[in-house]
Amino acid sequence: MNKPEKRDEIIRATMELIAEHGFHGAPMALVAERAGVATGTIYCYFEGKDALIRETHACLERQILASLTEDFPAEQSARERFLHIGRKLVEYFIASPMEFRFIEQFHNSPYGVAHRREKLFSKKEKNIIFKLFEEALEQRMVKDLPLSVLCALMFGPLVDVCRDHILEFIVLDETLIGQTVAACWDGVKR
């Protein structure tokens, strides 16, 4: 196993264990065992467990963003771009239940709170979703609400229906995904 592969295996093992057992059920020794490395090897790549968890989330966030921007209709209306992002998000999560469970653990933890605070209030460049909301607000296409409320109204229900699909309470087919994403847009549009 070369260095990038070891790092990737450590991140994958961390994601799996946290998705399966939560943060406390993923001690470094168990991560090392699952990754097939010595516990000390983890510290060659990460300062400690907090850094490992944050980097695991960052890697997953990059994968999700790449999925959301695949075939992105940049020249279409804000509505069409929102619908595209919503569909892609649902499709990604229902195809990747382990990643979804990790994201849920992360976002409902102090790690997620700190991450959201940084995303919402940082002066760093905003991601594609925040930029799209800012554009829609400027064009008065969406309700004049804080960015965090708009995100919750648009994407919170999508996360819930993904969870219900993964738990087999519902079956999200292409038609239901489209209807659900459109309903979320209807919730934020002016």
Protein backbone atom coordinates (compact mmCIF):
# COMPACT_ATOMS: atom_id res chain seq x y z
CA MET A 1 0.00 0.00 0.00
CA ASN A 2 1.55 3.35 -0.96
CA LYS A 3 1.11 6.56 1.05
CA PRO A 4 -1.96 8.05 -0.73
CA GLU A 5 -3.69 4.67 -0.56
CA LYS A 6 -3.01 4.35 3.19
CA ARG A 7 -4.39 7.84 3.79
CA ASP A 8 -7.47 7.03 1.70
CA GLU A 9 -7.97 3.76 3.57
CA ILE A 10 -7.75 5.57 6.90
CA ILE A 11 -10.35 8.09 5.78
CA ARG A 12 -12.61 5.35 4.44
CA ALA A 13 -12.32 3.33 7.65
CA THR A 14 -13.10 6.44 9.71
CA MET A 15 -16.17 7.17 7.63
CA GLU A 16 -17.43 3.59 7.90
CA LEU A 17 -16.91 3.31 11.64
CA ILE A 18 -18.48 6.67 12.43
CA ALA A 19 -21.43 5.86 10.16
CA GLU A 20 -21.87 2.50 11.88
CA HIS A 21 -21.09 3.37 15.52
CA GLY A 22 -20.82 7.15 15.95
CA PHE A 23 -17.77 9.13 16.99
CA HIS A 24 -17.26 7.34 20.31
CA GLY A 25 -17.51 3.97 18.60
CA ALA A 26 -14.62 4.80 16.30
CA PRO A 27 -11.45 4.85 18.43
CA MET A 28 -8.16 5.27 16.60
CA ALA A 29 -7.14 1.66 17.27
CA LEU A 30 -10.30 0.41 15.57
CA VAL A 31 -9.82 2.84 12.66
CA ALA A 32 -6.29 1.51 12.25
CA GLU A 33 -7.47 -2.09 12.36
CA ARG A 34 -10.21 -1.42 9.78
CA ALA A 35 -7.75 0.47 7.54
CA GLY A 36 -5.13 -2.25 7.81
CA VAL A 37 -2.47 0.03 9.27
CA ALA A 38 -0.71 0.45 12.59
CA THR A 39 -2.31 2.99 14.93
CA GLY A 40 0.83 5.12 14.77
CA THR A 41 0.51 5.32 10.99
CA ILE A 42 -2.64 7.39 11.35
CA TYR A 43 -0.59 10.06 13.13
CA CYS A 44 1.74 10.30 10.13
CA TYR A 45 -1.22 11.71 8.20
CA PHE A 46 -3.39 13.38 10.84
CA GLU A 47 -2.63 15.29 14.07
CA GLY A 48 -5.29 13.38 15.96
CA LYS A 49 -8.85 12.17 15.86
CA ASP A 50 -10.37 15.65 15.49
CA ALA A 51 -8.22 16.38 12.45
CA LEU A 52 -9.05 12.97 11.00
CA ILE A 53 -12.79 13.53 11.43
CA ARG A 54 -12.64 17.01 9.88
CA GLU A 55 -10.58 15.77 6.93
CA THR A 56 -12.90 12.80 6.42
CA HIS A 57 -15.80 15.25 6.18
CA ALA A 58 -13.84 17.56 3.87
CA CYS A 59 -13.09 14.68 1.50
CA LEU A 60 -16.73 13.66 1.45
CA GLU A 61 -17.84 17.25 0.96
CA ARG A 62 -15.57 17.53 -2.10
CA GLN A 63 -17.08 14.31 -3.52
CA ILE A 64 -20.62 15.60 -2.97
CA LEU A 65 -19.79 18.98 -4.54
CA ALA A 66 -18.30 17.23 -7.57
CA SER A 67 -21.53 15.24 -7.90
CA LEU A 68 -23.70 18.37 -7.56
CA THR A 69 -21.78 20.22 -10.24
CA GLU A 70 -21.71 17.34 -12.71
CA ASP A 71 -23.57 18.52 -15.86
CA PHE A 72 -24.41 21.73 -13.99
CA PRO A 73 -26.78 23.90 -16.06
CA ALA A 74 -24.85 27.13 -15.46
CA GLU A 75 -26.68 29.06 -18.17
CA GLN A 76 -30.18 28.12 -17.01
CA SER A 77 -32.42 29.93 -14.53
CA ALA A 78 -31.73 29.87 -10.80
CA ARG A 79 -34.78 27.63 -10.43
CA GLU A 80 -33.33 25.04 -12.85
CA ARG A 81 -29.96 25.19 -11.13
CA PHE A 82 -31.59 24.65 -7.72
CA LEU A 83 -33.60 21.74 -9.09
CA HIS A 84 -30.40 20.24 -10.55
CA ILE A 85 -28.54 20.56 -7.23
CA GLY A 86 -31.46 19.11 -5.29
CA ARG A 87 -31.82 16.11 -7.62
CA LYS A 88 -28.08 15.43 -7.59
CA LEU A 89 -27.95 15.65 -3.79
CA VAL A 90 -30.79 13.16 -3.36
CA GLU A 91 -29.34 10.82 -5.98
CA TYR A 92 -25.92 10.93 -4.31
CA PHE A 93 -27.24 10.21 -0.84
CA ILE A 94 -29.58 7.38 -1.79
CA ALA A 95 -26.78 5.75 -3.77
CA SER A 96 -24.35 6.21 -0.84
CA PRO A 97 -26.11 5.36 2.42
CA MET A 98 -22.89 4.97 4.41
CA GLU A 99 -21.73 8.43 3.37
CA PHE A 100 -25.19 9.77 4.23
CA ARG A 101 -24.99 8.28 7.73
CA PHE A 102 -21.54 9.83 8.24
CA ILE A 103 -22.82 13.25 7.11
CA GLU A 104 -25.75 12.96 9.52
CA GLN A 105 -23.40 12.10 12.40
CA PHE A 106 -21.09 14.97 11.48
CA HIS A 107 -23.73 17.66 11.01
CA ASN A 108 -25.49 16.75 14.26
CA SER A 109 -22.29 17.07 16.27
CA PRO A 110 -20.14 19.93 17.53
CA TYR A 111 -17.96 19.35 14.43
CA GLY A 112 -20.93 20.12 12.22
CA VAL A 113 -21.94 23.17 14.22
CA ALA A 114 -18.45 24.64 13.87
CA HIS A 115 -18.39 23.76 10.18
CA ARG A 116 -21.78 25.41 9.50
CA ARG A 117 -20.77 28.50 11.47
CA GLU A 118 -17.63 28.82 9.38
CA LYS A 119 -19.54 28.33 6.11
CA LEU A 120 -22.22 30.86 7.00
CA PHE A 121 -20.11 33.58 8.60
CA SER A 122 -16.66 33.22 7.08
CA LYS A 123 -15.35 35.74 4.59
CA LYS A 124 -14.00 32.86 2.51
CA GLU A 125 -15.42 32.27 -0.95
CA LYS A 126 -18.90 30.80 -0.74
CA ASN A 127 -19.78 27.44 -2.24
CA ILE A 128 -22.02 27.03 -5.26
CA ILE A 129 -25.21 26.71 -3.17
CA PHE A 130 -24.60 29.88 -1.18
CA LYS A 131 -23.68 31.77 -4.35
CA LEU A 132 -26.87 30.57 -6.00
CA PHE A 133 -28.98 31.68 -3.03
CA GLU A 134 -27.25 35.07 -3.00
CA GLU A 135 -28.00 35.47 -6.72
CA ALA A 136 -31.63 34.43 -6.21
CA LEU A 137 -31.97 36.89 -3.30
CA GLU A 138 -30.53 39.72 -5.40
CA GLN A 139 -32.97 38.92 -8.20
CA ARG A 140 -35.80 38.66 -5.65
CA MET A 141 -36.59 35.10 -6.79
CA VAL A 142 -36.60 33.67 -3.27
CA LYS A 143 -38.09 34.80 0.01
CA ASP A 144 -36.10 37.44 1.87
CA LEU A 145 -34.89 35.13 4.62
CA PRO A 146 -31.47 34.51 6.18
CA LEU A 147 -29.25 32.16 4.22
CA SER A 148 -29.38 29.49 6.93
CA VAL A 149 -33.21 29.49 6.80
CA LEU A 150 -33.25 29.25 3.01
CA CYS A 151 -30.82 26.32 3.13
CA ALA A 152 -32.91 24.59 5.80
CA LEU A 153 -36.12 25.02 3.81
CA MET A 154 -34.57 23.87 0.54
CA PHE A 155 -32.29 21.07 1.69
CA GLY A 156 -33.56 19.97 5.12
CA PRO A 157 -36.59 18.18 3.66
CA LEU A 158 -34.38 16.53 1.04
CA VAL A 159 -32.15 15.11 3.76
CA ASP A 160 -35.25 13.81 5.57
CA VAL A 161 -36.62 12.04 2.49
CA CYS A 162 -33.18 10.54 1.81
CA ARG A 163 -33.19 9.16 5.36
CA ASP A 164 -36.70 7.76 4.84
CA HIS A 165 -35.60 6.11 1.59
CA ILE A 166 -32.53 4.57 3.23
CA LEU A 167 -34.72 3.32 6.10
CA GLU A 168 -37.10 1.88 3.48
CA PHE A 169 -40.08 3.98 4.60
CA ILE A 170 -40.45 5.29 1.04
CA VAL A 171 -39.01 4.52 -2.38
CA LEU A 172 -37.54 7.55 -4.09
CA ASP A 173 -37.85 7.00 -7.81
CA GLU A 174 -37.04 9.61 -10.44
CA THR A 175 -40.59 11.01 -10.43
CA LEU A 176 -40.83 11.34 -6.65
CA ILE A 177 -37.36 12.89 -6.47
CA GLY A 178 -38.37 15.50 -9.04
CA GLN A 179 -41.64 16.26 -7.24
CA THR A 180 -39.92 16.53 -3.87
CA VAL A 181 -37.15 18.81 -5.12
CA ALA A 182 -39.73 21.02 -6.88
CA ALA A 183 -41.77 21.22 -3.65
CA CYS A 184 -38.64 22.38 -1.79
CA TRP A 185 -38.07 25.07 -4.41
CA ASP A 186 -41.72 26.11 -4.00
CA GLY A 187 -41.01 26.53 -0.28
CA VAL A 188 -38.29 29.14 -0.87
CA LYS A 189 -39.43 30.90 -4.04
CA ARG A 190 -41.15 34.26 -3.84
